[in-house]
PDB file of N, CA and C in Angstrom:
ATOM      1  N   MET A   1       0.842  -1.175   0.000  1.00  0.00           N
ATOM      2  CA  MET A   1       0.000   0.000   0.000  1.00  0.00           C
ATOM      3  C   MET A   1       0.883   1.231   0.000  1.00  0.00           C
ATOM      4  N   ILE A   2       0.614   2.140  -0.908  1.00  0.00           N
ATOM      5  CA  ILE A   2       1.406   3.348  -1.031  1.00  0.00           C
ATOM      6  C   ILE A   2       0.684   4.491  -0.325  1.00  0.00           C
ATOM      7  N   LYS A   3       1.416   5.169   0.550  1.00  0.00           N
ATOM      8  CA  LYS A   3       0.838   6.293   1.271  1.00  0.00           C
ATOM      9  C   LYS A   3       1.641   7.539   0.944  1.00  0.00           C
ATOM     10  N   VAL A   4       0.933   8.617   0.657  1.00  0.00           N
ATOM     11  CA  VAL A   4       1.564   9.898   0.384  1.00  0.00           C
ATOM     12  C   VAL A   4       0.851  10.942   1.220  1.00  0.00           C
ATOM     13  N   LYS A   5       1.609  11.651   2.039  1.00  0.00           N
ATOM     14  CA  LYS A   5       1.011  12.702   2.864  1.00  0.00           C
ATOM     15  C   LYS A   5       1.207  14.046   2.181  1.00  0.00           C
ATOM     16  N   ARG A   6       0.213  14.873   2.329  1.00  0.00           N
ATOM     17  CA  ARG A   6       0.240  16.195   1.718  1.00  0.00           C
ATOM     18  C   ARG A   6       1.197  17.105   2.493  1.00  0.00           C
ATOM     19  N   LYS A   7       2.068  17.761   1.749  1.00  0.00           N
ATOM     20  CA  LYS A   7       2.998  18.708   2.371  1.00  0.00           C
ATOM     21  C   LYS A   7       2.286  20.040   2.597  1.00  0.00           C
ATOM     22  N   LYS A   8       2.895  20.877   3.418  1.00  0.00           N
ATOM     23  CA  LYS A   8       2.300  22.187   3.694  1.00  0.00           C
ATOM     24  C   LYS A   8       2.251  23.006   2.414  1.00  0.00           C
ATOM     25  N   SER A   9       1.115  23.604   2.168  1.00  0.00           N
ATOM     26  CA  SER A   9       0.847  24.464   0.998  1.00  0.00           C
ATOM     27  C   SER A   9       1.121  23.755  -0.334  1.00  0.00           C
ATOM     28  N   GLU A  10       0.843  22.456  -0.381  1.00  0.00           N
ATOM     29  CA  GLU A  10       1.002  21.700  -1.628  1.00  0.00           C
ATOM     30  C   GLU A  10      -0.362  21.585  -2.300  1.00  0.00           C
ATOM     31  N   SER A  11      -0.387  21.821  -3.589  1.00  0.00           N
ATOM     32  CA  SER A  11      -1.657  21.738  -4.312  1.00  0.00           C
ATOM     33  C   SER A  11      -2.031  20.270  -4.525  1.00  0.00           C
ATOM     34  N   PHE A  12      -3.321  20.071  -4.794  1.00  0.00           N
ATOM     35  CA  PHE A  12      -3.810  18.712  -5.014  1.00  0.00           C
ATOM     36  C   PHE A  12      -3.165  18.094  -6.253  1.00  0.00           C
ATOM     37  N   GLU A  13      -2.951  18.907  -7.292  1.00  0.00           N
ATOM     38  CA  GLU A  13      -2.362  18.396  -8.529  1.00  0.00           C
ATOM     39  C   GLU A  13      -0.953  17.856  -8.303  1.00  0.00           C
ATOM     40  N   SER A  14      -0.159  18.583  -7.548  1.00  0.00           N
ATOM     41  CA  SER A  14       1.212  18.124  -7.300  1.00  0.00           C
ATOM     42  C   SER A  14       1.214  16.889  -6.398  1.00  0.00           C
ATOM     43  N   LEU A  15       0.278  16.850  -5.448  1.00  0.00           N
ATOM     44  CA  LEU A  15       0.152  15.662  -4.601  1.00  0.00           C
ATOM     45  C   LEU A  15      -0.219  14.452  -5.445  1.00  0.00           C
ATOM     46  N   TYR A  16      -1.163  14.665  -6.358  1.00  0.00           N
ATOM     47  CA  TYR A  16      -1.618  13.584  -7.233  1.00  0.00           C
ATOM     48  C   TYR A  16      -0.490  13.114  -8.151  1.00  0.00           C
ATOM     49  N   ARG A  17       0.302  14.063  -8.670  1.00  0.00           N
ATOM     50  CA  ARG A  17       1.448  13.735  -9.524  1.00  0.00           C
ATOM     51  C   ARG A  17       2.476  12.912  -8.740  1.00  0.00           C
ATOM     52  N   ARG A  18       2.747  13.320  -7.515  1.00  0.00           N
ATOM     53  CA  ARG A  18       3.709  12.613  -6.678  1.00  0.00           C
ATOM     54  C   ARG A  18       3.233  11.198  -6.375  1.00  0.00           C
ATOM     55  N   PHE A  19       1.942  11.062  -6.118  1.00  0.00           N
ATOM     56  CA  PHE A  19       1.363   9.739  -5.871  1.00  0.00           C
ATOM     57  C   PHE A  19       1.507   8.858  -7.108  1.00  0.00           C
ATOM     58  N   GLY A  20       1.223   9.419  -8.273  1.00  0.00           N
ATOM     59  CA  GLY A  20       1.348   8.657  -9.520  1.00  0.00           C
ATOM     60  C   GLY A  20       2.765   8.171  -9.752  1.00  0.00           C
ATOM     61  N   ARG A  21       3.737   9.049  -9.467  1.00  0.00           N
ATOM     62  CA  ARG A  21       5.136   8.650  -9.613  1.00  0.00           C
ATOM     63  C   ARG A  21       5.494   7.512  -8.673  1.00  0.00           C
ATOM     64  N   ARG A  22       5.014   7.601  -7.441  1.00  0.00           N
ATOM     65  CA  ARG A  22       5.281   6.540  -6.460  1.00  0.00           C
ATOM     66  C   ARG A  22       4.710   5.202  -6.944  1.00  0.00           C
ATOM     67  N   VAL A  23       3.509   5.249  -7.474  1.00  0.00           N
ATOM     68  CA  VAL A  23       2.868   4.024  -7.965  1.00  0.00           C
ATOM     69  C   VAL A  23       3.684   3.441  -9.109  1.00  0.00           C
ATOM     70  N   GLN A  24       4.140   4.289 -10.031  1.00  0.00           N
ATOM     71  CA  GLN A  24       4.945   3.822 -11.162  1.00  0.00           C
ATOM     72  C   GLN A  24       6.254   3.194 -10.668  1.00  0.00           C
ATOM     73  N   GLN A  25       6.903   3.825  -9.707  1.00  0.00           N
ATOM     74  CA  GLN A  25       8.186   3.336  -9.218  1.00  0.00           C
ATOM     75  C   GLN A  25       8.053   2.038  -8.444  1.00  0.00           C
ATOM     76  N   SER A  26       6.923   1.855  -7.782  1.00  0.00           N
ATOM     77  CA  SER A  26       6.764   0.639  -6.974  1.00  0.00           C
ATOM     78  C   SER A  26       6.580  -0.598  -7.836  1.00  0.00           C
ATOM     79  N   GLY A  27       6.008  -0.441  -9.054  1.00  0.00           N
ATOM     80  CA  GLY A  27       5.800  -1.580  -9.940  1.00  0.00           C
ATOM     81  C   GLY A  27       4.523  -2.342  -9.647  1.00  0.00           C
ATOM     82  N   ASN A  28       3.679  -1.799  -8.766  1.00  0.00           N
ATOM     83  CA  ASN A  28       2.434  -2.486  -8.424  1.00  0.00           C
ATOM     84  C   ASN A  28       1.481  -2.564  -9.611  1.00  0.00           C
ATOM     85  N   MET A  29       1.404  -1.499 -10.405  1.00  0.00           N
ATOM     86  CA  MET A  29       0.499  -1.497 -11.552  1.00  0.00           C
ATOM     87  C   MET A  29       0.944  -2.509 -12.594  1.00  0.00           C
ATOM     88  N   LEU A  30       2.240  -2.603 -12.814  1.00  0.00           N
ATOM     89  CA  LEU A  30       2.773  -3.559 -13.776  1.00  0.00           C
ATOM     90  C   LEU A  30       2.447  -4.980 -13.347  1.00  0.00           C
ATOM     91  N   GLN A  31       2.615  -5.252 -12.071  1.00  0.00           N
ATOM     92  CA  GLN A  31       2.306  -6.586 -11.536  1.00  0.00           C
ATOM     93  C   GLN A  31       0.810  -6.882 -11.651  1.00  0.00           C
ATOM     94  N   ALA A  32      -0.024  -5.892 -11.380  1.00  0.00           N
ATOM     95  CA  ALA A  32      -1.470  -6.086 -11.462  1.00  0.00           C
ATOM     96  C   ALA A  32      -1.894  -6.384 -12.893  1.00  0.00           C
ATOM     97  N   ARG A  33      -1.293  -5.697 -13.861  1.00  0.00           N
ATOM     98  CA  ARG A  33      -1.627  -5.956 -15.272  1.00  0.00           C
ATOM     99  C   ARG A  33      -1.195  -7.359 -15.678  1.00  0.00           C
ATOM    100  N   LYS A  34      -0.034  -7.784 -15.206  1.00  0.00           N
ATOM    101  CA  LYS A  34       0.432  -9.137 -15.536  1.00  0.00           C
ATOM    102  C   LYS A  34      -0.554 -10.177 -15.027  1.00  0.00           C
ATOM    103  N   ILE A  35      -1.028  -9.968 -13.808  1.00  0.00           N
ATOM    104  CA  ILE A  35      -1.967 -10.925 -13.218  1.00  0.00           C
ATOM    105  C   ILE A  35      -3.307 -10.859 -13.930  1.00  0.00           C
ATOM    106  N   ARG A  36      -3.760  -9.657 -14.270  1.00  0.00           N
ATOM    107  CA  ARG A  36      -5.090  -9.478 -14.869  1.00  0.00           C
ATOM    108  C   ARG A  36      -5.192 -10.134 -16.233  1.00  0.00           C
ATOM    109  N   PHE A  37      -4.166  -9.981 -17.075  1.00  0.00           N
ATOM    110  CA  PHE A  37      -4.254 -10.458 -18.446  1.00  0.00           C
ATOM    111  C   PHE A  37      -3.568 -11.805 -18.655  1.00  0.00           C
ATOM    112  N   HIS A  38      -3.164 -12.452 -17.604  1.00  0.00           N
ATOM    113  CA  HIS A  38      -2.496 -13.750 -17.738  1.00  0.00           C
ATOM    114  C   HIS A  38      -3.521 -14.835 -18.049  1.00  0.00           C
ATOM    115  N   THR A  39      -3.234 -15.617 -19.060  1.00  0.00           N
ATOM    116  CA  THR A  39      -4.083 -16.770 -19.361  1.00  0.00           C
ATOM    117  C   THR A  39      -3.239 -18.014 -19.168  1.00  0.00           C
ATOM    118  N   GLY A  40      -3.721 -18.900 -18.357  1.00  0.00           N
ATOM    119  CA  GLY A  40      -2.974 -20.107 -18.073  1.00  0.00           C
ATOM    120  C   GLY A  40      -3.060 -21.115 -19.203  1.00  0.00           C
ATOM    121  N   GLU A  41      -2.187 -22.096 -19.167  1.00  0.00           N
ATOM    122  CA  GLU A  41      -2.189 -23.147 -20.174  1.00  0.00           C
ATOM    123  C   GLU A  41      -3.437 -23.998 -20.012  1.00  0.00           C
ATOM    124  N   PRO A  42      -4.139 -24.299 -21.109  1.00  0.00           N
ATOM    125  CA  PRO A  42      -5.317 -25.160 -20.997  1.00  0.00           C
ATOM    126  C   PRO A  42      -4.896 -26.590 -20.664  1.00  0.00           C
ATOM    127  N   SER A  43      -5.784 -27.287 -19.977  1.00  0.00           N
ATOM    128  CA  SER A  43      -5.456 -28.649 -19.583  1.00  0.00           C
ATOM    129  C   SER A  43      -5.471 -29.564 -20.803  1.00  0.00           C
ATOM    130  N   LYS A  44      -4.909 -30.736 -20.637  1.00  0.00           N
ATOM    131  CA  LYS A  44      -4.817 -31.698 -21.736  1.00  0.00           C
ATOM    132  C   LYS A  44      -6.211 -32.095 -22.214  1.00  0.00           C
ATOM    133  N   ASN A  45      -7.130 -32.287 -21.264  1.00  0.00           N
ATOM    134  CA  ASN A  45      -8.497 -32.668 -21.608  1.00  0.00           C
ATOM    135  C   ASN A  45      -9.187 -31.568 -22.409  1.00  0.00           C
ATOM    136  N   LYS A  46      -8.981 -30.325 -22.028  1.00  0.00           N
ATOM    137  CA  LYS A  46      -9.600 -29.204 -22.727  1.00  0.00           C
ATOM    138  C   LYS A  46      -9.064 -29.089 -24.145  1.00  0.00           C
ATOM    139  N   LYS A  47      -7.756 -29.295 -24.326  1.00  0.00           N
ATOM    140  CA  LYS A  47      -7.159 -29.259 -25.652  1.00  0.00           C
ATOM    141  C   LYS A  47      -7.764 -30.335 -26.540  1.00  0.00           C
ATOM    142  N   LEU A  48      -7.903 -31.541 -25.989  1.00  0.00           N
ATOM    143  CA  LEU A  48      -8.439 -32.653 -26.770  1.00  0.00           C
ATOM    144  C   LEU A  48      -9.885 -32.412 -27.172  1.00  0.00           C
ATOM    145  N   THR A  49     -10.702 -31.915 -26.240  1.00  0.00           N
ATOM    146  CA  THR A  49     -12.107 -31.689 -26.571  1.00  0.00           C
ATOM    147  C   THR A  49     -12.261 -30.604 -27.633  1.00  0.00           C
ATOM    148  N   SER A  50     -11.441 -29.553 -27.568  1.00  0.00           N
ATOM    149  CA  SER A  50     -11.545 -28.498 -28.584  1.00  0.00           C
ATOM    150  C   SER A  50     -11.071 -29.008 -29.943  1.00  0.00           C
ATOM    151  N   ALA A  51     -10.048 -29.854 -29.956  1.00  0.00           N
ATOM    152  CA  ALA A  51      -9.556 -30.408 -31.213  1.00  0.00           C
ATOM    153  C   ALA A  51     -10.612 -31.313 -31.846  1.00  0.00           C
ATOM    154  N   VAL A  52     -11.256 -32.147 -31.041  1.00  0.00           N
ATOM    155  CA  VAL A  52     -12.298 -33.035 -31.557  1.00  0.00           C
ATOM    156  C   VAL A  52     -13.464 -32.221 -32.085  1.00  0.00           C
ATOM    157  N   ARG A  53     -13.830 -31.191 -31.382  1.00  0.00           N
ATOM    158  CA  ARG A  53     -14.937 -30.334 -31.818  1.00  0.00           C
ATOM    159  C   ARG A  53     -14.610 -29.676 -33.150  1.00  0.00           C
ATOM    160  N   ARG A  54     -13.388 -29.164 -33.283  1.00  0.00           N
ATOM    161  CA  ARG A  54     -12.967 -28.550 -34.540  1.00  0.00           C
ATOM    162  C   ARG A  54     -13.065 -29.532 -35.697  1.00  0.00           C
ATOM    163  N   LEU A  55     -12.595 -30.753 -35.468  1.00  0.00           N
ATOM    164  CA  LEU A  55     -12.638 -31.771 -36.519  1.00  0.00           C
ATOM    165  C   LEU A  55     -14.059 -32.102 -36.930  1.00  0.00           C
ATOM    166  N   THR A  56     -14.953 -32.246 -35.956  1.00  0.00           N
ATOM    167  CA  THR A  56     -16.342 -32.588 -36.293  1.00  0.00           C
ATOM    168  C   THR A  56     -17.036 -31.454 -37.026  1.00  0.00           C
ATOM    169  N   VAL A  57     -16.793 -30.221 -36.615  1.00  0.00           N
ATOM    170  CA  VAL A  57     -17.438 -29.084 -37.267  1.00  0.00           C
ATOM    171  C   VAL A  57     -16.954 -28.956 -38.708  1.00  0.00           C
ATOM    172  N   THR A  58     -15.642 -29.095 -38.936  1.00  0.00           N
ATOM    173  CA  THR A  58     -15.131 -28.980 -40.305  1.00  0.00           C
ATOM    174  C   THR A  58     -15.625 -30.129 -41.173  1.00  0.00           C
ATOM    175  N   ALA A  59     -15.700 -31.321 -40.604  1.00  0.00           N
ATOM    176  CA  ALA A  59     -16.206 -32.464 -41.377  1.00  0.00           C
ATOM    177  C   ALA A  59     -17.671 -32.243 -41.753  1.00  0.00           C
ATOM    178  N   LYS A  60     -18.464 -31.732 -40.834  1.00  0.00           N
ATOM    179  CA  LYS A  60     -19.871 -31.477 -41.109  1.00  0.00           C
ATOM    180  C   LYS A  60     -20.026 -30.397 -42.184  1.00  0.00           C
ATOM    181  N   ARG A  61     -19.212 -29.345 -42.108  1.00  0.00           N
ATOM    182  CA  ARG A  61     -19.249 -28.284 -43.119  1.00  0.00           C
ATOM    183  C   ARG A  61     -18.920 -28.815 -44.496  1.00  0.00           C
ATOM    184  N   GLU A  62     -17.848 -29.610 -44.564  1.00  0.00           N
ATOM    185  CA  GLU A  62     -17.437 -30.173 -45.851  1.00  0.00           C
ATOM    186  C   GLU A  62     -18.523 -31.074 -46.431  1.00  0.00           C
ATOM    187  N   TYR A  63     -19.155 -31.862 -45.582  1.00  0.00           N
ATOM    188  CA  TYR A  63     -20.224 -32.749 -46.034  1.00  0.00           C
ATOM    189  C   TYR A  63     -21.397 -31.949 -46.584  1.00  0.00           C
ATOM    190  N   LEU A  64     -21.818 -30.918 -45.861  1.00  0.00           N
ATOM    191  CA  LEU A  64     -22.935 -30.091 -46.312  1.00  0.00           C
ATOM    192  C   LEU A  64     -22.609 -29.366 -47.617  1.00  0.00           C
ATOM    193  N   MET A  65     -21.347 -28.922 -47.777  1.00  0.00           N
ATOM    194  CA  MET A  65     -20.958 -28.282 -49.028  1.00  0.00           C
ATOM    195  C   MET A  65     -20.970 -29.287 -50.167  1.00  0.00           C
ATOM    196  N   ARG A  66     -20.537 -30.517 -49.903  1.00  0.00           N
ATOM    197  CA  ARG A  66     -20.482 -31.553 -50.932  1.00  0.00           C
ATOM    198  C   ARG A  66     -21.874 -31.905 -51.446  1.00  0.00           C
ATOM    199  N   ILE A  67     -22.851 -31.977 -50.543  1.00  0.00           N
ATOM    200  CA  ILE A  67     -24.197 -32.352 -50.982  1.00  0.00           C
ATOM    201  C   ILE A  67     -25.010 -31.147 -51.452  1.00  0.00           C
ATOM    202  N   GLY A  68     -24.429 -29.952 -51.344  1.00  0.00           N
ATOM    203  CA  GLY A  68     -25.062 -28.767 -51.892  1.00  0.00           C
ATOM    204  C   GLY A  68     -26.035 -28.053 -50.976  1.00  0.00           C
ATOM    205  N   GLN A  69     -26.042 -28.349 -49.703  1.00  0.00           N
ATOM    206  CA  GLN A  69     -26.952 -27.680 -48.779  1.00  0.00           C
ATOM    207  C   GLN A  69     -26.342 -26.449 -48.126  1.00  0.00           C
ATOM    208  N   LEU A  70     -25.039 -26.293 -48.279  1.00  0.00           N
ATOM    209  CA  LEU A  70     -24.364 -25.147 -47.665  1.00  0.00           C
ATOM    210  C   LEU A  70     -23.642 -24.370 -48.755  1.00  0.00           C
ATOM    211  N   VAL A  71     -24.008 -23.136 -48.907  1.00  0.00           N
ATOM    212  CA  VAL A  71     -23.336 -22.278 -49.868  1.00  0.00           C
ATOM    213  C   VAL A  71     -22.363 -21.408 -49.088  1.00  0.00           C
ATOM    214  N   GLU A  72     -21.102 -21.510 -49.444  1.00  0.00           N
ATOM    215  CA  GLU A  72     -20.097 -20.768 -48.697  1.00  0.00           C
ATOM    216  C   GLU A  72     -20.154 -19.295 -49.090  1.00  0.00           C
ATOM    217  N   ARG A  73     -20.298 -18.446 -48.088  1.00  0.00           N
ATOM    218  CA  ARG A  73     -20.333 -17.008 -48.312  1.00  0.00           C
ATOM    219  C   ARG A  73     -18.926 -16.452 -48.182  1.00  0.00           C
ATOM    220  N   ARG A  74     -18.634 -15.462 -49.005  1.00  0.00           N
ATOM    221  CA  ARG A  74     -17.331 -14.808 -48.891  1.00  0.00           C
ATOM    222  C   ARG A  74     -17.357 -13.879 -47.691  1.00  0.00           C
ATOM    223  N   ARG A  75     -16.316 -13.939 -46.900  1.00  0.00           N
ATOM    224  CA  ARG A  75     -16.230 -13.068 -45.746  1.00  0.00           C
ATOM    225  C   ARG A  75     -15.606 -11.748 -46.172  1.00  0.00           C
ATOM    226  N   ARG A  76     -16.130 -10.683 -45.601  1.00  0.00           N
ATOM    227  CA  ARG A  76     -15.573  -9.367 -45.890  1.00  0.00           C
ATOM    228  C   ARG A  76     -14.309  -9.159 -45.079  1.00  0.00           C
ATOM    229  N   GLY A  77     -13.302  -8.627 -45.711  1.00  0.00           N
ATOM    230  CA  GLY A  77     -12.059  -8.342 -45.016  1.00  0.00           C
ATOM    231  C   GLY A  77     -12.159  -7.074 -44.212  1.00  0.00           C
ATOM    232  N   ARG A  78     -11.460  -7.016 -43.123  1.00  0.00           N
ATOM    233  CA  ARG A  78     -11.434  -5.798 -42.313  1.00  0.00           C
ATOM    234  C   ARG A  78     -10.423  -4.829 -42.873  1.00  0.00           C
ATOM    235  N   ARG A  79     -10.724  -3.584 -42.749  1.00  0.00           N
ATOM    236  CA  ARG A  79      -9.793  -2.559 -43.250  1.00  0.00           C
ATOM    237  C   ARG A  79      -8.998  -1.979 -42.144  1.00  0.00           C
TER     238      ARG A  79
END
């Protein structure tokens, strides 16, 4: 926890700036971002189930295209 006490006749802006510098120097924000956006490795079972699902969906798509029930639409590219 970072504590900053206001000095005599110090404006709020300078106090806020000093607090921001302290936070940057401590590295707490960097650590918090690392924890927030960290995605762990998926388990072996999860990998297998997603792979099987991908295979079944692509096989079903190919089958529907072969028999003529699925018309493939062109996807628009992003600019």
